[in-house]
Each structure stands twice: as C-alpha cells, then as structure tokens.
C-alpha cells in the first residue's frame, strides 16, 4: 500500500505502518491522520513526539498505555491525563494508531495495560 505526501509516494505495510521510518515527517503524519479522520492538535503532537523519541533514542522502545499516561502527565501538567484521555486523542489505540501516525514500525508487544 502507499499514499502521497509532499509529492512523494510513501510505502506502507498492509496495516498502514510506514515501511521506512525515514519517510516520516510532520506532513506525512498529517496526511496519515487525515486519512484516519483525525485533526492533530498540540496534545497529539506531544504524544507523537514522545513516541518517536522513545523509539529512536531509547533502543526501539514502544511504551504501553500506562507509560504513555505517566509521560504525558509530565508533559501536559495542566491536563488530566489517563488512558481514557489518550483514547480520545487516538481512538484506534494510542500505541497502535499513535505509533502508526508517528511513523514507527508496528508494535510486536502482546498488548495489555
């Protein structure tokens, strides 16, 4: 599968994850979010940037929802952050949909909180 962003063809897996992490930039994320009927806000970008930082700078770490909640509590201290809030941002699952829009590979974790 593929889609167009900035005049480039971006290849994805059958489940919509980027084949090449280097293809990602903010415009690619915006196109991916638009395709999933999401309008990215500052809160979305905070989680996207956190997920990318964890993956790229922490040995491929893809945090679970509980770890995302803890990290977002620090980044967005004026918001009440819980798993429900993350699912409002990314209703298709914060780690799956959030990771996909962040340009990360599909998580191989077994799930769980």
Protein backbone atom coordinates (compact mmCIF):
# COMPACT_ATOMS: atom_id res chain seq x y z
CA UNK A 1 0.00 0.00 0.00
CA UNK A 2 1.06 3.61 -0.39
CA UNK A 3 -0.08 7.22 -0.24
CA UNK A 4 1.15 10.59 -1.47
CA UNK A 5 2.67 13.29 0.76
CA UNK A 6 4.67 16.30 -0.42
CA UNK A 7 4.79 14.88 -3.93
CA UNK A 8 6.42 11.66 -2.70
CA UNK A 9 4.96 8.18 -2.68
CA UNK A 10 5.13 6.78 0.85
CA UNK A 11 5.06 2.99 1.11
CA UNK A 12 3.14 1.34 3.95
CA UNK A 13 2.51 -2.17 5.17
CA UNK A 14 -0.91 -3.78 4.79
CA UNK A 15 -1.81 -2.45 8.25
CA UNK A 16 -0.79 1.13 7.36
CA UNK A 17 2.59 1.39 9.09
CA UNK A 18 5.48 3.02 7.22
CA UNK A 19 7.83 0.61 5.51
CA UNK A 20 10.72 3.06 6.00
CA UNK A 21 10.84 5.16 9.19
CA UNK A 22 12.99 7.73 7.35
CA UNK A 23 9.99 8.61 5.15
CA UNK A 24 8.28 10.23 8.15
CA UNK A 25 7.95 13.95 8.68
CA UNK A 26 5.16 16.12 10.10
CA UNK A 27 3.45 16.43 6.72
CA UNK A 28 3.38 12.62 6.40
CA UNK A 29 1.86 12.40 9.90
CA UNK A 30 -0.76 14.98 8.93
CA UNK A 31 -1.74 13.04 5.79
CA UNK A 32 -1.91 9.80 7.77
CA UNK A 33 -4.07 11.46 10.43
CA UNK A 34 -6.34 12.99 7.77
CA UNK A 35 -6.78 9.52 6.27
CA UNK A 36 -7.95 8.36 9.71
CA UNK A 37 -10.23 11.40 10.22
CA UNK A 38 -8.03 12.93 12.93
CA UNK A 39 -7.08 16.58 13.19
CA UNK A 40 -3.76 16.78 15.01
CA UNK A 41 -3.65 19.17 17.98
CA UNK A 42 -0.77 20.16 20.25
CA UNK A 43 -1.74 17.25 22.54
CA UNK A 44 -1.49 14.81 19.62
CA UNK A 45 1.93 16.20 18.72
CA UNK A 46 3.12 15.87 22.32
CA UNK A 47 2.31 12.15 22.25
CA UNK A 48 3.69 11.69 18.72
CA UNK A 49 6.97 13.37 19.67
CA UNK A 50 7.18 11.30 22.87
CA UNK A 51 6.62 8.03 20.97
CA UNK A 52 9.22 8.94 18.35
CA UNK A 53 11.75 9.98 20.98
CA UNK A 54 11.26 6.74 22.93
CA UNK A 55 11.65 4.62 19.80
CA UNK A 56 14.55 6.47 18.20
CA UNK A 57 16.53 7.41 21.33
CA UNK A 58 15.68 4.52 23.65
CA UNK A 59 16.59 1.38 21.73
CA UNK A 60 13.33 0.87 19.86
CA UNK A 61 11.16 1.19 22.98
CA UNK A 62 7.43 1.30 22.24
CA UNK A 63 5.77 2.17 25.56
CA UNK A 64 2.47 0.73 26.69
CA UNK A 65 -0.51 2.90 27.61
CA UNK A 66 0.41 3.16 31.29
CA UNK A 67 3.86 4.52 30.45
CA UNK A 68 2.33 6.93 27.95
CA UNK A 69 -0.02 8.24 30.64
CA UNK A 70 2.91 8.84 33.03
CA UNK A 71 4.95 10.62 30.36
CA UNK A 72 2.04 12.79 29.21
CA UNK A 73 1.26 13.78 32.81
CA UNK A 74 4.72 15.33 32.93
CA UNK A 75 4.45 16.98 29.52
CA UNK A 76 0.90 18.29 29.94
CA UNK A 77 0.63 19.11 33.66
CA UNK A 78 -2.49 21.26 33.17
CA UNK A 79 -4.45 18.33 31.67
CA UNK A 80 -5.97 15.39 33.49
CA UNK A 81 -4.22 12.54 31.70
CA UNK A 82 -5.46 8.99 31.93
CA UNK A 83 -5.88 6.15 29.46
CA UNK A 84 -9.34 7.44 28.53
CA UNK A 85 -7.79 10.78 27.53
CA UNK A 86 -5.23 9.02 25.30
CA UNK A 87 -8.04 7.07 23.64
CA UNK A 88 -9.84 10.36 22.94
CA UNK A 89 -6.70 11.54 21.14
CA UNK A 90 -6.15 8.25 19.30
CA UNK A 91 -9.39 6.25 19.38
CA UNK A 92 -7.79 3.48 17.33
CA UNK A 93 -5.48 2.72 20.32
CA UNK A 94 -2.81 5.18 21.46
CA UNK A 95 0.05 2.76 20.94
CA UNK A 96 -1.15 1.34 17.62
CA UNK A 97 -2.75 4.36 15.94
CA UNK A 98 -0.41 6.79 17.68
CA UNK A 99 2.60 4.71 16.70
CA UNK A 100 1.40 4.41 13.11
CA UNK A 101 0.92 8.18 12.75
CA UNK A 102 4.29 8.67 14.48
CA UNK A 103 5.90 6.70 11.66
CA UNK A 104 7.03 3.85 13.87
CA UNK A 105 7.02 0.15 12.99
CA UNK A 106 4.10 -1.96 14.15
CA UNK A 107 4.50 -2.94 17.79
CA UNK A 108 5.19 -6.59 18.47
CA UNK A 109 4.06 -6.34 22.10
CA UNK A 110 1.29 -8.68 23.14
CA UNK A 111 -0.84 -5.80 24.44
CA UNK A 112 -2.14 -5.19 27.89
CA UNK A 113 -2.23 -2.11 30.05
